[in-house]
Amino acid sequence: MANSGAEKKEKLKLYSYWRSSCAHRVRIALALKGLDYEYIPVNLLKGDQFDPDFKKINPMGTVPALVDGEIVISDSFAIILYLDEKYPEPPLLPRDLHKRAVNYQAASIVFSGIQPHQNLAVIRYIEEKINAEAKTAWVKDAITKGFTGVRSLLYP
């Protein structure tokens, strides 16, 4: 049978966990773009991220991981930027340079000042080294500082 010139496009695959804020960001971006994808659950509480088959997808053993044909991207910010560049409409980021910079700053605060402090591995480590009560206070303080920074940035 002759090829009509149209190649069969493979569906995007998203390795994700429903409680992961990083994975949630990517699911939001996919929804805003209106992109269809296959959801592949990785249960972090059950340790699915340590499965050798998943580690072939993402050696870091974290979610999300996006597979687009032969391309594998395993960082939420990189995935979102990739999706925005590959599928430019509708845009996720403002075209205005200053507004885009504000978005990057807010994202950086979330990625470095909020999200890591509520990460399951970090929380478990702190609880093992200190105790549950101190862990909760530390996490609350770190996350509060992060959200205070984002609020100040967005509402000067």
C-alpha atoms as a PDB file:
ATOM      1  CA  MET A   1       0.000   0.000   0.000  1.00  0.00           C
ATOM      2  CA  ALA A   2       1.388   3.400  -0.925  1.00  0.00           C
ATOM      3  CA  ASN A   3       2.202   5.844   1.829  1.00  0.00           C
ATOM      4  CA  SER A   4      -0.053   8.878   1.558  1.00  0.00           C
ATOM      5  CA  GLY A   5       2.744  11.071   2.873  1.00  0.00           C
ATOM      6  CA  ALA A   6       1.110  11.412   6.248  1.00  0.00           C
ATOM      7  CA  GLU A   7       3.022   9.642   8.986  1.00  0.00           C
ATOM      8  CA  LYS A   8       1.142   8.067  11.855  1.00  0.00           C
ATOM      9  CA  LYS A   9       1.773  10.345  14.787  1.00  0.00           C
ATOM     10  CA  GLU A  10       2.511   8.606  18.057  1.00  0.00           C
ATOM     11  CA  LYS A  11       0.526   9.869  21.042  1.00  0.00           C
ATOM     12  CA  LEU A  12       2.435  11.736  23.749  1.00  0.00           C
ATOM     13  CA  LYS A  13       3.033   9.658  26.879  1.00  0.00           C
ATOM     14  CA  LEU A  14       3.101  11.235  30.319  1.00  0.00           C
ATOM     15  CA  TYR A  15       4.533   9.296  33.234  1.00  0.00           C
ATOM     16  CA  SER A  16       2.895  10.928  36.196  1.00  0.00           C
ATOM     17  CA  TYR A  17       1.616  10.648  39.748  1.00  0.00           C
ATOM     18  CA  TRP A  18      -1.633  12.326  40.702  1.00  0.00           C
ATOM     19  CA  ARG A  19      -0.210  13.888  43.900  1.00  0.00           C
ATOM     20  CA  SER A  20       2.925  15.296  42.277  1.00  0.00           C
ATOM     21  CA  SER A  21       2.800  19.081  41.935  1.00  0.00           C
ATOM     22  CA  CYS A  22       5.448  18.879  39.200  1.00  0.00           C
ATOM     23  CA  ALA A  23       3.364  16.413  37.212  1.00  0.00           C
ATOM     24  CA  HIS A  24       0.243  18.478  37.859  1.00  0.00           C
ATOM     25  CA  ARG A  25       1.889  21.501  36.210  1.00  0.00           C
ATOM     26  CA  VAL A  26       2.488  19.448  33.068  1.00  0.00           C
ATOM     27  CA  ARG A  27      -1.060  18.093  33.035  1.00  0.00           C
ATOM     28  CA  ILE A  28      -2.318  21.686  33.241  1.00  0.00           C
ATOM     29  CA  ALA A  29      -0.084  22.703  30.303  1.00  0.00           C
ATOM     30  CA  LEU A  30      -1.284  19.725  28.243  1.00  0.00           C
ATOM     31  CA  ALA A  31      -4.907  20.636  28.999  1.00  0.00           C
ATOM     32  CA  LEU A  32      -4.391  24.317  28.135  1.00  0.00           C
ATOM     33  CA  LYS A  33      -2.798  23.256  24.852  1.00  0.00           C
ATOM     34  CA  GLY A  34      -5.626  20.809  24.192  1.00  0.00           C
ATOM     35  CA  LEU A  35      -3.138  17.979  23.629  1.00  0.00           C
ATOM     36  CA  ASP A  36      -4.123  14.346  23.813  1.00  0.00           C
ATOM     37  CA  TYR A  37      -1.754  12.072  25.718  1.00  0.00           C
ATOM     38  CA  GLU A  38      -1.494   8.675  27.313  1.00  0.00           C
ATOM     39  CA  TYR A  39      -1.343   8.874  31.111  1.00  0.00           C
ATOM     40  CA  ILE A  40       1.010   6.297  32.619  1.00  0.00           C
ATOM     41  CA  PRO A  41       0.758   6.241  36.427  1.00  0.00           C
ATOM     42  CA  VAL A  42       3.905   6.024  38.547  1.00  0.00           C
ATOM     43  CA  ASN A  43       2.863   5.497  42.166  1.00  0.00           C
ATOM     44  CA  LEU A  44       5.541   7.211  44.245  1.00  0.00           C
ATOM     45  CA  LEU A  45       4.191   5.875  47.538  1.00  0.00           C
ATOM     46  CA  LYS A  46       4.512   2.308  46.268  1.00  0.00           C
ATOM     47  CA  GLY A  47       8.021   2.950  44.897  1.00  0.00           C
ATOM     48  CA  ASP A  48       7.170   2.631  41.192  1.00  0.00           C
ATOM     49  CA  GLN A  49       9.799   5.316  40.479  1.00  0.00           C
ATOM     50  CA  PHE A  50      12.511   2.786  41.418  1.00  0.00           C
ATOM     51  CA  ASP A  51      11.308   0.165  38.934  1.00  0.00           C
ATOM     52  CA  PRO A  52      14.128  -0.616  36.447  1.00  0.00           C
ATOM     53  CA  ASP A  53      11.760  -0.125  33.487  1.00  0.00           C
ATOM     54  CA  PHE A  54      10.801   3.351  34.689  1.00  0.00           C
ATOM     55  CA  LYS A  55      14.455   4.198  35.429  1.00  0.00           C
ATOM     56  CA  LYS A  56      15.132   3.551  31.714  1.00  0.00           C
ATOM     57  CA  ILE A  57      12.656   6.358  30.983  1.00  0.00           C
ATOM     58  CA  ASN A  58      13.977   8.626  33.750  1.00  0.00           C
ATOM     59  CA  PRO A  59      17.182   7.577  35.531  1.00  0.00           C
ATOM     60  CA  MET A  60      16.455  10.202  38.231  1.00  0.00           C
ATOM     61  CA  GLY A  61      13.354   8.230  39.183  1.00  0.00           C
ATOM     62  CA  THR A  62      11.115  11.297  39.320  1.00  0.00           C
ATOM     63  CA  VAL A  63       7.886  12.380  37.691  1.00  0.00           C
ATOM     64  CA  PRO A  64       6.833  13.785  35.372  1.00  0.00           C
ATOM     65  CA  ALA A  65       8.469  12.314  32.312  1.00  0.00           C
ATOM     66  CA  LEU A  66       7.137  13.077  28.842  1.00  0.00           C
ATOM     67  CA  VAL A  67       7.815  10.787  25.908  1.00  0.00           C
ATOM     68  CA  ASP A  68       7.280  12.252  22.441  1.00  0.00           C
ATOM     69  CA  GLY A  69       8.373   9.570  19.993  1.00  0.00           C
ATOM     70  CA  GLU A  70      12.112   9.221  20.569  1.00  0.00           C
ATOM     71  CA  ILE A  71      12.308  12.332  22.767  1.00  0.00           C
ATOM     72  CA  VAL A  72      12.177  11.947  26.550  1.00  0.00           C
ATOM     73  CA  ILE A  73      11.987  14.989  28.823  1.00  0.00           C
ATOM     74  CA  SER A  74      11.870  14.566  32.578  1.00  0.00           C
ATOM     75  CA  ASP A  75      11.647  18.004  34.146  1.00  0.00           C
ATOM     76  CA  SER A  76       8.332  19.829  34.433  1.00  0.00           C
ATOM     77  CA  PHE A  77       9.704  23.223  33.386  1.00  0.00           C
ATOM     78  CA  ALA A  78      11.584  21.740  30.427  1.00  0.00           C
ATOM     79  CA  ILE A  79       8.459  19.794  29.423  1.00  0.00           C
ATOM     80  CA  ILE A  80       6.293  22.915  29.580  1.00  0.00           C
ATOM     81  CA  LEU A  81       8.769  24.954  27.517  1.00  0.00           C
ATOM     82  CA  TYR A  82       9.068  22.093  25.003  1.00  0.00           C
ATOM     83  CA  LEU A  83       5.278  21.879  24.652  1.00  0.00           C
ATOM     84  CA  ASP A  84       4.980  25.645  24.243  1.00  0.00           C
ATOM     85  CA  GLU A  85       7.603  25.699  21.495  1.00  0.00           C
ATOM     86  CA  LYS A  86       6.407  22.585  19.665  1.00  0.00           C
ATOM     87  CA  TYR A  87       2.735  23.587  19.905  1.00  0.00           C
ATOM     88  CA  PRO A  88       2.821  27.405  19.912  1.00  0.00           C
ATOM     89  CA  GLU A  89      -0.949  27.935  19.925  1.00  0.00           C
ATOM     90  CA  PRO A  90      -2.383  28.747  22.303  1.00  0.00           C
ATOM     91  CA  PRO A  91       0.710  30.166  23.999  1.00  0.00           C
ATOM     92  CA  LEU A  92       1.349  29.374  27.643  1.00  0.00           C
ATOM     93  CA  LEU A  93       3.615  32.363  28.173  1.00  0.00           C
ATOM     94  CA  PRO A  94       2.973  36.022  27.384  1.00  0.00           C
ATOM     95  CA  ARG A  95       4.713  37.432  24.317  1.00  0.00           C
ATOM     96  CA  ASP A  96       5.683  40.586  26.236  1.00  0.00           C
ATOM     97  CA  LEU A  97       9.300  40.192  27.409  1.00  0.00           C
ATOM     98  CA  HIS A  98       8.771  41.766  30.845  1.00  0.00           C
ATOM     99  CA  LYS A  99       5.627  39.718  31.554  1.00  0.00           C
ATOM    100  CA  ARG A 100       7.436  36.573  30.439  1.00  0.00           C
ATOM    101  CA  ALA A 101      10.341  37.394  32.787  1.00  0.00           C
ATOM    102  CA  VAL A 102       7.875  37.757  35.687  1.00  0.00           C
ATOM    103  CA  ASN A 103       6.481  34.330  34.784  1.00  0.00           C
ATOM    104  CA  TYR A 104      10.002  32.847  34.791  1.00  0.00           C
ATOM    105  CA  GLN A 105      10.696  34.424  38.188  1.00  0.00           C
ATOM    106  CA  ALA A 106       7.477  33.036  39.671  1.00  0.00           C
ATOM    107  CA  ALA A 107       8.263  29.612  38.211  1.00  0.00           C
ATOM    108  CA  SER A 108      11.766  29.726  39.657  1.00  0.00           C
ATOM    109  CA  ILE A 109      10.418  30.505  43.120  1.00  0.00           C
ATOM    110  CA  VAL A 110       8.017  27.575  42.877  1.00  0.00           C
ATOM    111  CA  PHE A 111      10.696  25.208  41.524  1.00  0.00           C
ATOM    112  CA  SER A 112      13.386  26.128  44.027  1.00  0.00           C
ATOM    113  CA  GLY A 113      11.637  27.743  46.986  1.00  0.00           C
ATOM    114  CA  ILE A 114       8.383  25.827  47.372  1.00  0.00           C
ATOM    115  CA  GLN A 115       8.206  22.497  45.566  1.00  0.00           C
ATOM    116  CA  PRO A 116      11.444  20.898  46.821  1.00  0.00           C
ATOM    117  CA  HIS A 117      10.401  21.476  50.420  1.00  0.00           C
ATOM    118  CA  GLN A 118       7.197  19.475  50.045  1.00  0.00           C
ATOM    119  CA  ASN A 119       8.873  16.713  48.046  1.00  0.00           C
ATOM    120  CA  LEU A 120       8.256  13.247  49.489  1.00  0.00           C
ATOM    121  CA  ALA A 121      11.960  12.320  49.603  1.00  0.00           C
ATOM    122  CA  VAL A 122      12.899  15.584  51.348  1.00  0.00           C
ATOM    123  CA  ILE A 123      10.092  15.279  53.887  1.00  0.00           C
ATOM    124  CA  ARG A 124      11.032  11.696  54.702  1.00  0.00           C
ATOM    125  CA  TYR A 125      14.704  12.628  55.076  1.00  0.00           C
ATOM    126  CA  ILE A 126      13.968  15.527  57.438  1.00  0.00           C
ATOM    127  CA  GLU A 127      11.617  13.400  59.529  1.00  0.00           C
ATOM    128  CA  GLU A 128      14.275  10.679  59.833  1.00  0.00           C
ATOM    129  CA  LYS A 129      16.964  13.182  60.856  1.00  0.00           C
ATOM    130  CA  ILE A 130      14.828  15.266  63.232  1.00  0.00           C
ATOM    131  CA  ASN A 131      11.200  14.352  63.996  1.00  0.00           C
ATOM    132  CA  ALA A 132       7.704  14.717  62.563  1.00  0.00           C
ATOM    133  CA  GLU A 133       6.857  17.906  64.474  1.00  0.00           C
ATOM    134  CA  ALA A 134      10.055  19.710  63.447  1.00  0.00           C
ATOM    135  CA  LYS A 135       9.597  18.489  59.871  1.00  0.00           C
ATOM    136  CA  THR A 136       6.127  20.013  59.653  1.00  0.00           C
ATOM    137  CA  ALA A 137       7.311  23.353  61.063  1.00  0.00           C
ATOM    138  CA  TRP A 138      10.303  23.445  58.689  1.00  0.00           C
ATOM    139  CA  VAL A 139       8.188  22.597  55.624  1.00  0.00           C
ATOM    140  CA  LYS A 140       5.509  25.148  56.557  1.00  0.00           C
ATOM    141  CA  ASP A 141       8.118  27.886  57.050  1.00  0.00           C
ATOM    142  CA  ALA A 142       9.878  27.165  53.747  1.00  0.00           C
ATOM    143  CA  ILE A 143       6.666  27.010  51.738  1.00  0.00           C
ATOM    144  CA  THR A 144       5.284  30.161  53.375  1.00  0.00           C
ATOM    145  CA  LYS A 145       8.454  32.067  52.421  1.00  0.00           C
ATOM    146  CA  GLY A 146       8.107  30.847  48.840  1.00  0.00           C
ATOM    147  CA  PHE A 147       4.457  31.841  48.492  1.00  0.00           C
ATOM    148  CA  THR A 148       5.207  35.213  50.110  1.00  0.00           C
ATOM    149  CA  GLY A 149       7.828  35.770  47.410  1.00  0.00           C
ATOM    150  CA  VAL A 150       5.450  34.822  44.605  1.00  0.00           C
ATOM    151  CA  ARG A 151       2.706  37.053  46.021  1.00  0.00           C
ATOM    152  CA  SER A 152       5.135  40.002  46.270  1.00  0.00           C
ATOM    153  CA  LEU A 153       6.255  39.433  42.699  1.00  0.00           C
ATOM    154  CA  LEU A 154       2.770  39.178  41.248  1.00  0.00           C
ATOM    155  CA  TYR A 155       1.127  41.836  43.416  1.00  0.00           C
ATOM    156  CA  PRO A 156       3.789  44.491  44.090  1.00  0.00           C
END
